[in-house]
């Protein structure tokens, strides 16, 4: 896999779907080009086209410290 096939979302990173925050926090499972597979806490696994759905990377450690 070449570097041009990778998206900005690395496996293991945490994200939220800005348009559906009720999905909860998701952990990236894989990403190739504009397709990212994410396991969300409230809706399970979703395959997302990041050209259509806006994701935001979050720092899960910062969230855990504020609880």
N, C-alpha and C. Protein backbone atom coordinates (compact mmCIF):
# COMPACT_ATOMS: atom_id res chain seq x y z
N UNK A 1 0.86 -1.17 0.00
CA UNK A 1 0.00 0.00 0.00
C UNK A 1 0.90 1.23 0.00
N UNK A 2 0.66 2.13 -0.91
CA UNK A 2 1.46 3.34 -0.99
C UNK A 2 0.91 4.40 -0.03
N UNK A 3 1.74 5.38 0.25
CA UNK A 3 1.33 6.46 1.16
C UNK A 3 0.13 7.23 0.62
N UNK A 4 -0.03 7.28 -0.71
CA UNK A 4 -1.15 8.01 -1.31
C UNK A 4 -2.48 7.30 -1.08
N UNK A 5 -2.45 6.02 -0.67
CA UNK A 5 -3.67 5.28 -0.41
C UNK A 5 -4.15 5.43 1.03
N UNK A 6 -3.36 6.06 1.88
CA UNK A 6 -3.72 6.21 3.28
C UNK A 6 -4.51 7.49 3.49
N UNK A 7 -5.48 7.43 4.40
CA UNK A 7 -6.21 8.65 4.75
C UNK A 7 -5.54 9.28 5.97
N UNK A 8 -6.09 10.38 6.44
CA UNK A 8 -5.56 11.06 7.61
C UNK A 8 -5.95 10.36 8.91
N UNK A 9 -6.83 9.38 8.85
CA UNK A 9 -7.33 8.71 10.04
C UNK A 9 -6.59 7.39 10.24
N UNK A 10 -5.75 7.34 11.24
CA UNK A 10 -4.92 6.16 11.49
C UNK A 10 -5.67 5.13 12.33
N UNK A 11 -5.50 3.84 12.03
CA UNK A 11 -6.11 2.81 12.86
C UNK A 11 -5.72 2.99 14.33
N UNK A 12 -6.72 2.86 15.19
CA UNK A 12 -6.51 3.04 16.62
C UNK A 12 -6.86 4.43 17.11
N UNK A 13 -6.94 5.39 16.20
CA UNK A 13 -7.30 6.75 16.61
C UNK A 13 -8.80 6.83 16.89
N UNK A 14 -9.19 7.85 17.64
CA UNK A 14 -10.59 8.02 18.04
C UNK A 14 -11.20 9.22 17.33
N UNK A 15 -12.47 9.08 16.93
CA UNK A 15 -13.15 10.11 16.16
C UNK A 15 -14.60 10.24 16.63
N UNK A 16 -15.21 11.35 16.21
CA UNK A 16 -16.65 11.49 16.32
C UNK A 16 -17.18 11.88 14.94
N UNK A 17 -18.41 11.49 14.67
CA UNK A 17 -19.10 11.91 13.45
C UNK A 17 -19.75 13.24 13.78
N UNK A 18 -19.26 14.32 13.20
CA UNK A 18 -19.75 15.65 13.56
C UNK A 18 -21.25 15.82 13.27
N UNK A 19 -21.79 15.07 12.32
CA UNK A 19 -23.20 15.18 11.98
C UNK A 19 -24.10 14.26 12.80
N UNK A 20 -23.50 13.30 13.51
CA UNK A 20 -24.26 12.34 14.33
C UNK A 20 -23.49 12.05 15.61
N UNK A 21 -23.38 13.03 16.47
CA UNK A 21 -22.63 12.85 17.71
C UNK A 21 -23.26 11.80 18.62
N UNK A 22 -24.53 11.48 18.38
CA UNK A 22 -25.20 10.45 19.19
C UNK A 22 -24.62 9.06 18.92
N UNK A 23 -23.84 8.91 17.86
CA UNK A 23 -23.17 7.63 17.60
C UNK A 23 -22.13 7.34 18.66
N UNK A 24 -21.68 8.37 19.35
CA UNK A 24 -20.66 8.22 20.37
C UNK A 24 -19.26 8.27 19.77
N UNK A 25 -18.31 7.91 20.58
CA UNK A 25 -16.91 7.91 20.15
C UNK A 25 -16.66 6.65 19.33
N UNK A 26 -15.92 6.83 18.25
CA UNK A 26 -15.57 5.69 17.41
C UNK A 26 -14.07 5.50 17.36
N UNK A 27 -13.66 4.23 17.19
CA UNK A 27 -12.25 3.93 17.04
C UNK A 27 -12.03 3.44 15.61
N UNK A 28 -11.07 4.07 14.93
CA UNK A 28 -10.76 3.72 13.55
C UNK A 28 -10.17 2.32 13.50
N UNK A 29 -10.76 1.49 12.63
CA UNK A 29 -10.28 0.12 12.44
C UNK A 29 -9.34 0.04 11.23
N UNK A 30 -9.72 0.74 10.16
CA UNK A 30 -8.89 0.76 8.94
C UNK A 30 -9.23 2.00 8.12
N UNK A 31 -8.29 2.37 7.26
CA UNK A 31 -8.54 3.50 6.37
C UNK A 31 -7.72 3.33 5.10
N UNK A 32 -8.41 3.47 3.97
CA UNK A 32 -7.77 3.42 2.66
C UNK A 32 -8.38 4.53 1.82
N UNK A 33 -7.53 5.45 1.40
CA UNK A 33 -7.96 6.62 0.64
C UNK A 33 -9.05 7.34 1.41
N UNK A 34 -10.26 7.44 0.86
CA UNK A 34 -11.34 8.19 1.50
C UNK A 34 -12.33 7.30 2.24
N UNK A 35 -12.03 6.02 2.38
CA UNK A 35 -12.93 5.08 3.06
C UNK A 35 -12.33 4.68 4.40
N UNK A 36 -13.10 4.93 5.48
CA UNK A 36 -12.62 4.64 6.84
C UNK A 36 -13.64 3.74 7.52
N UNK A 37 -13.17 2.64 8.10
CA UNK A 37 -14.03 1.74 8.87
C UNK A 37 -13.82 2.07 10.34
N UNK A 38 -14.95 2.32 11.03
CA UNK A 38 -14.91 2.78 12.42
C UNK A 38 -15.89 1.97 13.25
N UNK A 39 -15.49 1.63 14.46
CA UNK A 39 -16.38 0.98 15.41
C UNK A 39 -16.84 2.03 16.42
N UNK A 40 -18.12 2.44 16.30
CA UNK A 40 -18.70 3.45 17.19
C UNK A 40 -19.34 2.79 18.40
N UNK A 41 -19.29 3.47 19.55
CA UNK A 41 -19.78 2.88 20.79
C UNK A 41 -21.29 2.64 20.81
N UNK A 42 -22.09 3.44 20.10
CA UNK A 42 -23.54 3.29 20.17
C UNK A 42 -24.19 2.66 18.94
N UNK A 43 -23.46 2.60 17.82
CA UNK A 43 -24.07 2.08 16.59
C UNK A 43 -23.24 0.99 15.91
N UNK A 44 -22.11 0.62 16.52
CA UNK A 44 -21.30 -0.45 15.96
C UNK A 44 -20.44 -0.01 14.79
N UNK A 45 -20.10 -0.97 13.95
CA UNK A 45 -19.17 -0.72 12.85
C UNK A 45 -19.86 0.00 11.69
N UNK A 46 -19.20 1.05 11.21
CA UNK A 46 -19.67 1.81 10.06
C UNK A 46 -18.52 2.01 9.09
N UNK A 47 -18.83 1.95 7.81
CA UNK A 47 -17.86 2.25 6.76
C UNK A 47 -18.22 3.64 6.24
N UNK A 48 -17.28 4.58 6.40
CA UNK A 48 -17.54 6.00 6.16
C UNK A 48 -16.73 6.49 4.96
N UNK A 49 -17.40 7.23 4.08
CA UNK A 49 -16.70 7.93 3.01
C UNK A 49 -16.45 9.35 3.53
N UNK A 50 -15.17 9.65 3.80
CA UNK A 50 -14.86 10.95 4.41
C UNK A 50 -15.01 12.13 3.46
N UNK A 51 -15.28 11.85 2.20
CA UNK A 51 -15.62 12.93 1.26
C UNK A 51 -17.06 13.40 1.48
N UNK A 52 -17.86 12.55 2.15
CA UNK A 52 -19.28 12.84 2.36
C UNK A 52 -19.59 13.15 3.83
N UNK A 53 -18.99 12.39 4.73
CA UNK A 53 -19.26 12.54 6.16
C UNK A 53 -18.04 13.11 6.85
N UNK A 54 -18.25 14.16 7.65
CA UNK A 54 -17.15 14.84 8.32
C UNK A 54 -16.87 14.20 9.68
N UNK A 55 -15.65 13.73 9.83
CA UNK A 55 -15.20 13.16 11.09
C UNK A 55 -14.24 14.11 11.76
N UNK A 56 -14.20 14.04 13.08
CA UNK A 56 -13.26 14.86 13.84
C UNK A 56 -12.45 13.94 14.74
N UNK A 57 -11.14 14.00 14.64
CA UNK A 57 -10.26 13.24 15.52
C UNK A 57 -10.31 13.85 16.91
N UNK A 58 -10.40 12.99 17.91
CA UNK A 58 -10.43 13.47 19.29
C UNK A 58 -9.30 12.82 20.09
N UNK A 59 -8.93 13.49 21.17
CA UNK A 59 -7.93 12.97 22.08
C UNK A 59 -8.66 12.29 23.23
N UNK A 60 -8.73 10.97 23.19
CA UNK A 60 -9.48 10.22 24.19
C UNK A 60 -8.89 10.39 25.58
N UNK A 61 -7.59 10.62 25.68
CA UNK A 61 -6.96 10.84 27.00
C UNK A 61 -7.45 12.11 27.65
N UNK A 62 -7.66 13.15 26.87
CA UNK A 62 -8.16 14.42 27.41
C UNK A 62 -9.58 14.25 27.94
N UNK A 63 -10.38 13.45 27.25
CA UNK A 63 -11.76 13.20 27.68
C UNK A 63 -11.76 12.42 28.98
N UNK A 64 -10.93 11.38 29.08
CA UNK A 64 -10.89 10.55 30.29
C UNK A 64 -10.44 11.35 31.50
N UNK A 65 -9.57 12.33 31.32
CA UNK A 65 -9.09 13.14 32.45
C UNK A 65 -10.17 14.09 32.97
N UNK A 66 -11.11 14.48 32.10
CA UNK A 66 -12.13 15.44 32.50
C UNK A 66 -13.33 14.78 33.18
N UNK A 67 -13.36 13.46 33.18
CA UNK A 67 -14.50 12.74 33.79
C UNK A 67 -14.29 12.58 35.28
